């Protein structure tokens, strides 16, 4: 009798433990999310704010390189997604996990999400390649190696890293924009649409390409600090 009662209880407990686990490749509804935090290892990130598409997020892993097709054909475990996502109130938290140590190094974790316009984004990873398109409240990135392409609008962009390549293009100017970049080695291309910009560059060695001088008190306001800086401001 005890055994009969124990088995259903065990099955129920086991099922409940996995009730909230997201199936790999399954998109997560993030229509209630207003802030995104991405942490962990290196990844390739793609974020948009398109109001004609569902607000959802997904993680995956993609193998690249000339060896990738051969490897995937022979090994059953090739390039599995091990990242985790969860929603805490209005915050989407994504922890990027590298694939197994037995996988080859060309297996890249990927994060993609279409966010509600005005969402705040924070990325804290060892290395990141990110493309952001749309309207964001703020973007903060901390990484040893950062390659970011931004197209849209953000009230604030804050980038901290050792090696940074940043291509930032604003499609609208609301005169509330601030951009702060602090990097040892920086290559930056900043396009605000030929409006007055208040910018300052502090570096050991720098080359700044700008058609107009800095306009104190103007917005956008750009602050760049680093050891070696090559910046183009338009």
Protein backbone atom coordinates (compact mmCIF):
# COMPACT_ATOMS: atom_id res chain seq x y z
CA UNK A 1 0.00 0.00 0.00
CA UNK A 2 2.84 2.34 0.85
CA UNK A 3 4.49 1.63 -2.49
CA UNK A 4 1.31 2.39 -4.39
CA UNK A 5 1.02 5.81 -2.73
CA UNK A 6 4.71 6.59 -3.10
CA UNK A 7 4.96 6.08 -6.84
CA UNK A 8 2.28 8.63 -7.84
CA UNK A 9 3.76 11.17 -5.40
CA UNK A 10 7.22 10.66 -6.86
CA UNK A 11 5.94 11.04 -10.41
CA UNK A 12 4.05 14.20 -9.48
CA UNK A 13 7.11 15.73 -7.80
CA UNK A 14 9.33 14.82 -10.75
CA UNK A 15 6.90 16.37 -13.23
CA UNK A 16 6.52 19.59 -11.25
CA UNK A 17 10.29 19.99 -11.04
CA UNK A 18 10.47 20.27 -14.81
CA UNK A 19 7.19 22.10 -15.45
CA UNK A 20 8.88 25.50 -15.92
CA UNK A 21 11.86 24.35 -17.94
CA UNK A 22 12.00 25.92 -21.40
CA UNK A 23 12.46 23.47 -24.23
CA UNK A 24 15.60 24.14 -26.26
CA UNK A 25 14.74 26.27 -29.25
CA UNK A 26 11.41 27.37 -27.79
CA UNK A 27 10.70 31.11 -27.89
CA UNK A 28 9.81 32.83 -24.61
CA UNK A 29 7.02 35.44 -24.46
CA UNK A 30 8.60 38.68 -23.16
CA UNK A 31 5.76 41.16 -23.73
CA UNK A 32 5.89 42.07 -20.00
CA UNK A 33 9.67 42.63 -19.99
CA UNK A 34 11.08 46.15 -19.63
CA UNK A 35 14.70 45.27 -18.83
CA UNK A 36 17.10 42.64 -20.15
CA UNK A 37 20.23 41.37 -18.42
CA UNK A 38 22.56 39.07 -20.38
CA UNK A 39 25.52 37.51 -18.54
CA UNK A 40 27.94 34.60 -18.78
CA UNK A 41 30.33 33.55 -21.49
CA UNK A 42 30.82 34.86 -25.02
CA UNK A 43 27.85 35.05 -27.38
CA UNK A 44 26.39 36.53 -30.52
CA UNK A 45 23.44 38.79 -29.66
CA UNK A 46 20.70 40.19 -31.89
CA UNK A 47 18.12 42.56 -30.35
CA UNK A 48 15.30 44.44 -32.08
CA UNK A 49 12.25 46.50 -31.05
CA UNK A 50 9.86 45.84 -33.91
CA UNK A 51 6.22 46.43 -32.97
CA UNK A 52 4.94 44.38 -35.90
CA UNK A 53 6.56 41.19 -34.58
CA UNK A 54 5.84 39.14 -31.43
CA UNK A 55 7.84 40.17 -28.37
CA UNK A 56 9.83 37.02 -27.77
CA UNK A 57 13.33 35.77 -26.92
CA UNK A 58 15.26 32.70 -27.87
CA UNK A 59 18.70 31.17 -27.34
CA UNK A 60 20.49 28.78 -29.62
CA UNK A 61 23.93 27.57 -30.62
CA UNK A 62 25.37 27.64 -34.12
CA UNK A 63 28.50 26.05 -35.44
CA UNK A 64 30.52 28.07 -37.92
CA UNK A 65 33.77 27.71 -39.82
CA UNK A 66 34.94 25.43 -42.60
CA UNK A 67 35.01 22.37 -40.28
CA UNK A 68 31.47 22.82 -38.97
CA UNK A 69 29.47 20.81 -41.54
CA UNK A 70 31.80 17.82 -41.31
CA UNK A 71 31.78 17.86 -37.50
CA UNK A 72 27.97 18.06 -37.26
CA UNK A 73 27.60 15.10 -39.61
CA UNK A 74 29.73 12.81 -37.45
CA UNK A 75 29.05 13.78 -33.84
CA UNK A 76 25.60 13.56 -32.27
CA UNK A 77 26.24 16.17 -29.58
CA UNK A 78 27.41 18.90 -31.92
CA UNK A 79 26.76 22.43 -30.70
CA UNK A 80 23.92 22.11 -28.19
CA UNK A 81 22.28 25.14 -26.60
CA UNK A 82 23.02 25.27 -22.87
CA UNK A 83 21.94 28.83 -22.11
CA UNK A 84 19.16 29.60 -19.62
CA UNK A 85 16.39 32.23 -19.65
CA UNK A 86 13.93 33.31 -16.98
CA UNK A 87 11.66 36.26 -16.29
CA UNK A 88 11.83 37.90 -12.86
CA UNK A 89 8.98 40.44 -12.59
CA UNK A 90 9.70 42.70 -15.59
CA UNK A 91 13.34 41.64 -16.01
CA UNK A 92 14.46 39.03 -18.53
CA UNK A 93 17.62 37.32 -17.31
CA UNK A 94 19.70 35.31 -19.77
CA UNK A 95 22.75 33.34 -18.66
CA UNK A 96 24.86 32.26 -21.59
CA UNK A 97 26.57 28.92 -21.09
CA UNK A 98 29.32 27.64 -23.32
CA UNK A 99 28.86 24.23 -24.90
CA UNK A 100 30.61 21.13 -23.59
CA UNK A 101 34.40 21.13 -23.41
CA UNK A 102 34.37 18.27 -25.91
CA UNK A 103 32.89 20.55 -28.58
CA UNK A 104 35.12 22.46 -30.94
CA UNK A 105 35.68 26.16 -30.29
CA UNK A 106 33.64 27.27 -33.32
CA UNK A 107 30.33 26.51 -31.59
CA UNK A 108 28.87 29.95 -30.82
CA UNK A 109 25.96 30.55 -28.40
CA UNK A 110 23.38 32.95 -29.82
CA UNK A 111 20.75 35.17 -28.21
CA UNK A 112 17.93 36.79 -30.17
CA UNK A 113 15.03 38.86 -28.88
CA UNK A 114 12.43 41.31 -30.11
CA UNK A 115 11.82 43.71 -27.23
CA UNK A 116 9.17 46.25 -26.34
CA UNK A 117 10.39 49.71 -27.44
CA UNK A 118 12.00 51.58 -24.56
CA UNK A 119 13.52 48.49 -22.94
CA UNK A 120 16.77 48.79 -21.00
CA UNK A 121 19.58 46.39 -21.98
CA UNK A 122 22.59 45.35 -19.90
CA UNK A 123 25.23 42.92 -21.20
CA UNK A 124 27.99 41.61 -18.92
CA UNK A 125 30.05 38.93 -20.67
CA UNK A 126 33.63 37.87 -21.33
CA UNK A 127 33.22 38.66 -25.03
CA UNK A 128 30.26 39.77 -27.08
CA UNK A 129 29.26 40.52 -30.62
CA UNK A 130 25.97 42.38 -30.64
CA UNK A 131 23.65 44.00 -33.15
CA UNK A 132 20.90 46.23 -31.80
CA UNK A 133 18.22 47.75 -34.02
CA UNK A 134 15.44 49.90 -32.62
CA UNK A 135 14.43 52.19 -29.78
CA UNK A 136 16.03 51.46 -26.39
CA UNK A 137 15.91 53.33 -23.08
CA UNK A 138 19.55 52.57 -22.37
CA UNK A 139 22.30 50.15 -23.32
CA UNK A 140 25.18 49.16 -21.00
CA UNK A 141 27.91 46.71 -22.05
CA UNK A 142 30.81 45.44 -19.97
CA UNK A 143 33.15 42.98 -21.68
CA UNK A 144 36.80 42.27 -22.34
CA UNK A 145 36.11 42.19 -26.09
CA UNK A 146 33.13 43.98 -27.61
CA UNK A 147 31.96 44.30 -31.20
CA UNK A 148 28.69 46.25 -31.33
CA UNK A 149 26.60 47.57 -34.17
CA UNK A 150 23.76 49.87 -33.15
CA UNK A 151 21.11 51.41 -35.38
CA UNK A 152 18.25 53.35 -33.82
CA UNK A 153 17.95 55.42 -30.66
CA UNK A 154 19.01 55.07 -27.03
CA UNK A 155 18.98 57.73 -24.35
CA UNK A 156 22.23 56.36 -22.97
CA UNK A 157 24.92 54.02 -24.25
CA UNK A 158 27.69 52.99 -21.85
CA UNK A 159 30.48 50.66 -23.02
CA UNK A 160 33.35 49.39 -20.87
CA UNK A 161 35.96 46.98 -22.17
CA UNK A 162 39.53 46.18 -23.07
CA UNK A 163 39.11 45.95 -26.86
CA UNK A 164 36.05 47.64 -28.35
CA UNK A 165 34.76 48.15 -31.86
CA UNK A 166 31.59 50.25 -31.95
CA UNK A 167 29.48 51.36 -34.89
CA UNK A 168 26.65 53.52 -33.57
CA UNK A 169 24.12 55.20 -35.85
CA UNK A 170 21.22 57.26 -34.49
CA UNK A 171 18.18 57.53 -36.75
CA UNK A 172 16.58 60.25 -34.58
CA UNK A 173 17.95 62.90 -32.24
CA UNK A 174 15.90 63.95 -29.21
CA UNK A 175 18.68 65.97 -27.55
CA UNK A 176 18.77 63.61 -24.57
CA UNK A 177 21.53 61.31 -25.84
CA UNK A 178 24.74 60.44 -23.97
CA UNK A 179 27.43 58.03 -25.14
CA UNK A 180 30.24 56.93 -22.82
CA UNK A 181 32.99 54.57 -23.99
CA UNK A 182 35.93 53.50 -21.84
CA UNK A 183 38.34 51.07 -23.50
CA UNK A 184 42.03 50.32 -23.73
CA UNK A 185 41.81 49.92 -27.50
CA UNK A 186 38.90 51.48 -29.36
CA UNK A 187 37.71 51.83 -32.92
CA UNK A 188 34.47 53.82 -33.00
CA UNK A 189 32.23 55.15 -35.76
CA UNK A 190 29.53 57.42 -34.35
CA UNK A 191 26.86 58.84 -36.65
CA UNK A 192 24.30 61.29 -35.24
CA UNK A 193 23.21 62.77 -38.55
CA UNK A 194 25.44 65.88 -38.66
CA UNK A 195 23.99 67.64 -35.59
CA UNK A 196 26.00 69.60 -32.98
CA UNK A 197 27.79 67.19 -30.65
CA UNK A 198 29.55 67.81 -27.34
CA UNK A 199 32.45 65.36 -27.40
CA UNK A 200 35.65 64.78 -25.48
CA UNK A 201 38.42 62.24 -26.07
CA UNK A 202 41.07 61.43 -23.47
CA UNK A 203 43.69 58.92 -24.60
CA UNK A 204 47.40 58.15 -24.71
CA UNK A 205 47.22 58.10 -28.49
CA UNK A 206 44.19 59.11 -30.52
CA UNK A 207 42.96 60.03 -33.96
CA UNK A 208 39.59 61.78 -34.08
CA UNK A 209 37.88 62.38 -37.41
CA UNK A 210 35.13 64.99 -37.05
CA UNK A 211 33.87 67.56 -39.54
CA UNK A 212 32.84 69.98 -36.78
CA UNK A 213 34.43 71.02 -33.48
CA UNK A 214 32.88 70.00 -30.19
CA UNK A 215 29.94 72.16 -29.07
CA UNK A 216 29.97 72.41 -25.24
CA UNK A 217 26.56 71.79 -23.70
CA UNK A 218 25.08 70.22 -26.83
CA UNK A 219 23.32 66.90 -26.96
CA UNK A 220 24.29 64.27 -28.00
CA UNK A 221 27.17 64.28 -25.53
CA UNK A 222 30.04 61.84 -26.14
CA UNK A 223 32.77 60.94 -23.65
CA UNK A 224 35.61 58.66 -24.80
CA UNK A 225 38.49 57.45 -22.65
CA UNK A 226 41.15 54.93 -23.59
CA UNK A 227 44.76 54.17 -24.33
CA UNK A 228 44.54 53.90 -28.12
CA UNK A 229 41.55 55.52 -29.80
CA UNK A 230 40.44 55.89 -33.40
CA UNK A 231 37.09 57.65 -33.54
CA UNK A 232 34.94 59.03 -36.33
CA UNK A 233 32.14 61.39 -35.28
CA UNK A 234 29.47 62.70 -37.62
